[in-house]
Amino acid sequence: MTRRFYEEYFAVSDLSADCYLKTVRLVFQEHALARGKLKYRERTIQPQAIRRTALLTVEGERDDICAMGQTLAAQDLCSGLRQYLRTHYVQAGVGHYGVFSGKRWENQVYPAVRDVIYSSE
């Protein structure tokens, strides 16, 4: 069980250092997406152009890596979505990794994710 946890936890190591560092720089240091400056293949990413999909943002109350409000910011960036397509979920009592693993994931977070998926079909 412990070995499986660490294999999944360190899966980010599968990214090249260049890719990982570039993403950190653009998204978290330069705030390129939030400022409307992030590009992919020379085209500017426009989250406000998203119109026909459900958006679920999830946060852990005790997340020590992504501060509260970081994923919620996607709700504002995707301003073209109607309110009924947006859901924000905060899981009480979990940190970064606990949001998507363990009993709280199985019993509380996953059902919220599943419900958003089913309601958008």
C-alpha atoms as a PDB file:
ATOM      1  CA  MET A   1       0.000   0.000   0.000  1.00  0.00           C
ATOM      2  CA  THR A   2       2.771   2.479   0.882  1.00  0.00           C
ATOM      3  CA  ARG A   3       4.683   1.635  -2.290  1.00  0.00           C
ATOM      4  CA  ARG A   4       1.585   2.163  -4.445  1.00  0.00           C
ATOM      5  CA  PHE A   5       0.998   5.536  -2.764  1.00  0.00           C
ATOM      6  CA  TYR A   6       4.507   6.780  -3.563  1.00  0.00           C
ATOM      7  CA  GLU A   7       4.449   5.450  -7.126  1.00  0.00           C
ATOM      8  CA  GLU A   8       1.356   7.527  -7.791  1.00  0.00           C
ATOM      9  CA  TYR A   9       2.551  10.480  -5.722  1.00  0.00           C
ATOM     10  CA  PHE A  10       5.801  10.775  -7.656  1.00  0.00           C
ATOM     11  CA  ALA A  11       4.188  10.232 -11.066  1.00  0.00           C
ATOM     12  CA  VAL A  12       4.894  13.890 -11.804  1.00  0.00           C
ATOM     13  CA  SER A  13       8.466  12.718 -12.267  1.00  0.00           C
ATOM     14  CA  ASP A  14       7.308  11.305 -15.607  1.00  0.00           C
ATOM     15  CA  LEU A  15       7.315  14.869 -16.971  1.00  0.00           C
ATOM     16  CA  SER A  16      10.503  16.293 -18.328  1.00  0.00           C
ATOM     17  CA  ALA A  17      12.077  18.919 -16.095  1.00  0.00           C
ATOM     18  CA  ASP A  18      11.742  21.482 -18.893  1.00  0.00           C
ATOM     19  CA  CYS A  19       7.996  20.875 -19.265  1.00  0.00           C
ATOM     20  CA  TYR A  20       7.381  20.980 -15.532  1.00  0.00           C
ATOM     21  CA  LEU A  21       9.434  24.149 -14.966  1.00  0.00           C
ATOM     22  CA  LYS A  22       7.888  25.911 -17.957  1.00  0.00           C
ATOM     23  CA  THR A  23       4.400  25.145 -16.658  1.00  0.00           C
ATOM     24  CA  VAL A  24       5.259  26.407 -13.169  1.00  0.00           C
ATOM     25  CA  ARG A  25       6.755  29.577 -14.618  1.00  0.00           C
ATOM     26  CA  LEU A  26       3.894  30.359 -17.013  1.00  0.00           C
ATOM     27  CA  VAL A  27       0.955  29.408 -14.813  1.00  0.00           C
ATOM     28  CA  PHE A  28       2.075  30.159 -11.261  1.00  0.00           C
ATOM     29  CA  GLN A  29       4.834  32.763 -11.552  1.00  0.00           C
ATOM     30  CA  GLU A  30       3.838  34.792 -14.596  1.00  0.00           C
ATOM     31  CA  HIS A  31       0.074  34.138 -14.247  1.00  0.00           C
ATOM     32  CA  ALA A  32      -0.075  33.886 -18.054  1.00  0.00           C
ATOM     33  CA  LEU A  33      -3.456  32.129 -18.173  1.00  0.00           C
ATOM     34  CA  ALA A  34      -5.132  34.547 -15.765  1.00  0.00           C
ATOM     35  CA  ARG A  35      -3.655  37.525 -17.639  1.00  0.00           C
ATOM     36  CA  GLY A  36      -4.802  36.241 -21.049  1.00  0.00           C
ATOM     37  CA  LYS A  37      -1.215  35.690 -22.241  1.00  0.00           C
ATOM     38  CA  LEU A  38      -0.916  31.875 -22.287  1.00  0.00           C
ATOM     39  CA  LYS A  39      -0.439  30.462 -25.778  1.00  0.00           C
ATOM     40  CA  TYR A  40      -0.534  27.008 -27.310  1.00  0.00           C
ATOM     41  CA  ARG A  41       0.831  26.619 -30.838  1.00  0.00           C
ATOM     42  CA  GLU A  42       0.896  30.405 -31.196  1.00  0.00           C
ATOM     43  CA  ARG A  43      -2.807  30.760 -30.310  1.00  0.00           C
ATOM     44  CA  THR A  44      -3.865  32.520 -27.124  1.00  0.00           C
ATOM     45  CA  ILE A  45      -5.834  30.323 -24.733  1.00  0.00           C
ATOM     46  CA  GLN A  46      -9.249  31.907 -24.092  1.00  0.00           C
ATOM     47  CA  PRO A  47     -11.085  30.232 -21.188  1.00  0.00           C
ATOM     48  CA  GLN A  48     -13.934  32.741 -21.595  1.00  0.00           C
ATOM     49  CA  ALA A  49     -14.672  31.125 -24.984  1.00  0.00           C
ATOM     50  CA  ILE A  50     -15.714  27.860 -23.288  1.00  0.00           C
ATOM     51  CA  ARG A  51     -19.505  27.644 -23.562  1.00  0.00           C
ATOM     52  CA  ARG A  52     -20.781  24.082 -23.654  1.00  0.00           C
ATOM     53  CA  THR A  53     -19.202  21.980 -20.950  1.00  0.00           C
ATOM     54  CA  ALA A  54     -19.591  21.485 -17.242  1.00  0.00           C
ATOM     55  CA  LEU A  55     -16.906  22.924 -14.991  1.00  0.00           C
ATOM     56  CA  LEU A  56     -16.119  21.388 -11.629  1.00  0.00           C
ATOM     57  CA  THR A  57     -13.403  22.904  -9.483  1.00  0.00           C
ATOM     58  CA  VAL A  58     -12.288  20.987  -6.408  1.00  0.00           C
ATOM     59  CA  GLU A  59     -10.247  22.139  -3.430  1.00  0.00           C
ATOM     60  CA  GLY A  60      -9.042  20.593  -0.209  1.00  0.00           C
ATOM     61  CA  GLU A  61      -9.600  22.661   2.918  1.00  0.00           C
ATOM     62  CA  ARG A  62      -6.102  21.890   4.237  1.00  0.00           C
ATOM     63  CA  ASP A  63      -4.231  21.910   0.933  1.00  0.00           C
ATOM     64  CA  ASP A  64      -0.653  22.990   1.568  1.00  0.00           C
ATOM     65  CA  ILE A  65       0.287  23.098  -2.129  1.00  0.00           C
ATOM     66  CA  CYS A  66      -2.650  24.821  -3.846  1.00  0.00           C
ATOM     67  CA  ALA A  67      -4.062  27.540  -1.628  1.00  0.00           C
ATOM     68  CA  MET A  68      -7.806  27.873  -1.227  1.00  0.00           C
ATOM     69  CA  GLY A  69      -9.189  29.852  -4.139  1.00  0.00           C
ATOM     70  CA  GLN A  70      -6.641  28.702  -6.711  1.00  0.00           C
ATOM     71  CA  THR A  71      -8.955  26.302  -8.502  1.00  0.00           C
ATOM     72  CA  LEU A  72     -11.970  28.505  -7.805  1.00  0.00           C
ATOM     73  CA  ALA A  73     -10.265  31.119  -9.996  1.00  0.00           C
ATOM     74  CA  ALA A  74     -11.089  28.914 -13.007  1.00  0.00           C
ATOM     75  CA  GLN A  75     -14.750  29.738 -12.415  1.00  0.00           C
ATOM     76  CA  ASP A  76     -14.021  33.414 -13.105  1.00  0.00           C
ATOM     77  CA  LEU A  77     -11.755  32.663 -16.061  1.00  0.00           C
ATOM     78  CA  CYS A  78     -14.497  30.590 -17.711  1.00  0.00           C
ATOM     79  CA  SER A  79     -16.905  33.506 -17.743  1.00  0.00           C
ATOM     80  CA  GLY A  80     -18.696  32.283 -20.874  1.00  0.00           C
ATOM     81  CA  LEU A  81     -20.240  29.347 -19.005  1.00  0.00           C
ATOM     82  CA  ARG A  82     -23.760  29.667 -17.709  1.00  0.00           C
ATOM     83  CA  GLN A  83     -24.011  29.416 -13.939  1.00  0.00           C
ATOM     84  CA  TYR A  84     -25.867  26.081 -14.009  1.00  0.00           C
ATOM     85  CA  LEU A  85     -22.822  24.489 -15.676  1.00  0.00           C
ATOM     86  CA  ARG A  86     -20.478  25.522 -12.850  1.00  0.00           C
ATOM     87  CA  THR A  87     -19.823  23.665  -9.614  1.00  0.00           C
ATOM     88  CA  HIS A  88     -17.240  24.337  -6.934  1.00  0.00           C
ATOM     89  CA  TYR A  89     -16.543  21.737  -4.273  1.00  0.00           C
ATOM     90  CA  VAL A  90     -14.438  22.113  -1.125  1.00  0.00           C
ATOM     91  CA  GLN A  91     -13.580  18.934   0.765  1.00  0.00           C
ATOM     92  CA  ALA A  92     -13.281  19.584   4.480  1.00  0.00           C
ATOM     93  CA  GLY A  93     -10.311  18.242   6.368  1.00  0.00           C
ATOM     94  CA  VAL A  94      -8.062  17.115   3.500  1.00  0.00           C
ATOM     95  CA  GLY A  95      -4.757  18.270   2.095  1.00  0.00           C
ATOM     96  CA  HIS A  96      -3.550  18.280  -1.478  1.00  0.00           C
ATOM     97  CA  TYR A  97      -3.145  14.553  -1.958  1.00  0.00           C
ATOM     98  CA  GLY A  98      -6.171  13.618   0.149  1.00  0.00           C
ATOM     99  CA  VAL A  99      -8.560  15.314  -2.260  1.00  0.00           C
ATOM    100  CA  PHE A 100      -8.107  12.520  -4.816  1.00  0.00           C
ATOM    101  CA  SER A 101      -7.164   9.493  -2.736  1.00  0.00           C
ATOM    102  CA  GLY A 102      -8.362   7.573   0.272  1.00  0.00           C
ATOM    103  CA  LYS A 103     -11.714   7.302   2.044  1.00  0.00           C
ATOM    104  CA  ARG A 104     -12.758  10.932   1.633  1.00  0.00           C
ATOM    105  CA  TRP A 105     -12.175  10.671  -2.117  1.00  0.00           C
ATOM    106  CA  GLU A 106     -14.203   7.469  -2.298  1.00  0.00           C
ATOM    107  CA  ASN A 107     -17.038   8.569  -0.020  1.00  0.00           C
ATOM    108  CA  GLN A 108     -17.314  12.324  -0.570  1.00  0.00           C
ATOM    109  CA  VAL A 109     -15.285  13.812  -3.425  1.00  0.00           C
ATOM    110  CA  TYR A 110     -15.849  11.103  -6.045  1.00  0.00           C
ATOM    111  CA  PRO A 111     -19.656  11.178  -5.625  1.00  0.00           C
ATOM    112  CA  ALA A 112     -19.560  14.953  -6.233  1.00  0.00           C
ATOM    113  CA  VAL A 113     -17.451  14.430  -9.362  1.00  0.00           C
ATOM    114  CA  ARG A 114     -19.729  11.618 -10.548  1.00  0.00           C
ATOM    115  CA  ASP A 115     -22.834  13.746 -10.008  1.00  0.00           C
ATOM    116  CA  VAL A 116     -21.449  16.578 -12.113  1.00  0.00           C
ATOM    117  CA  ILE A 117     -20.582  14.135 -14.899  1.00  0.00           C
ATOM    118  CA  TYR A 118     -24.023  12.516 -14.844  1.00  0.00           C
ATOM    119  CA  SER A 119     -25.875  15.825 -14.688  1.00  0.00           C
ATOM    120  CA  SER A 120     -24.026  17.132 -17.740  1.00  0.00           C
ATOM    121  CA  GLU A 121     -24.860  14.216 -20.038  1.00  0.00           C
END
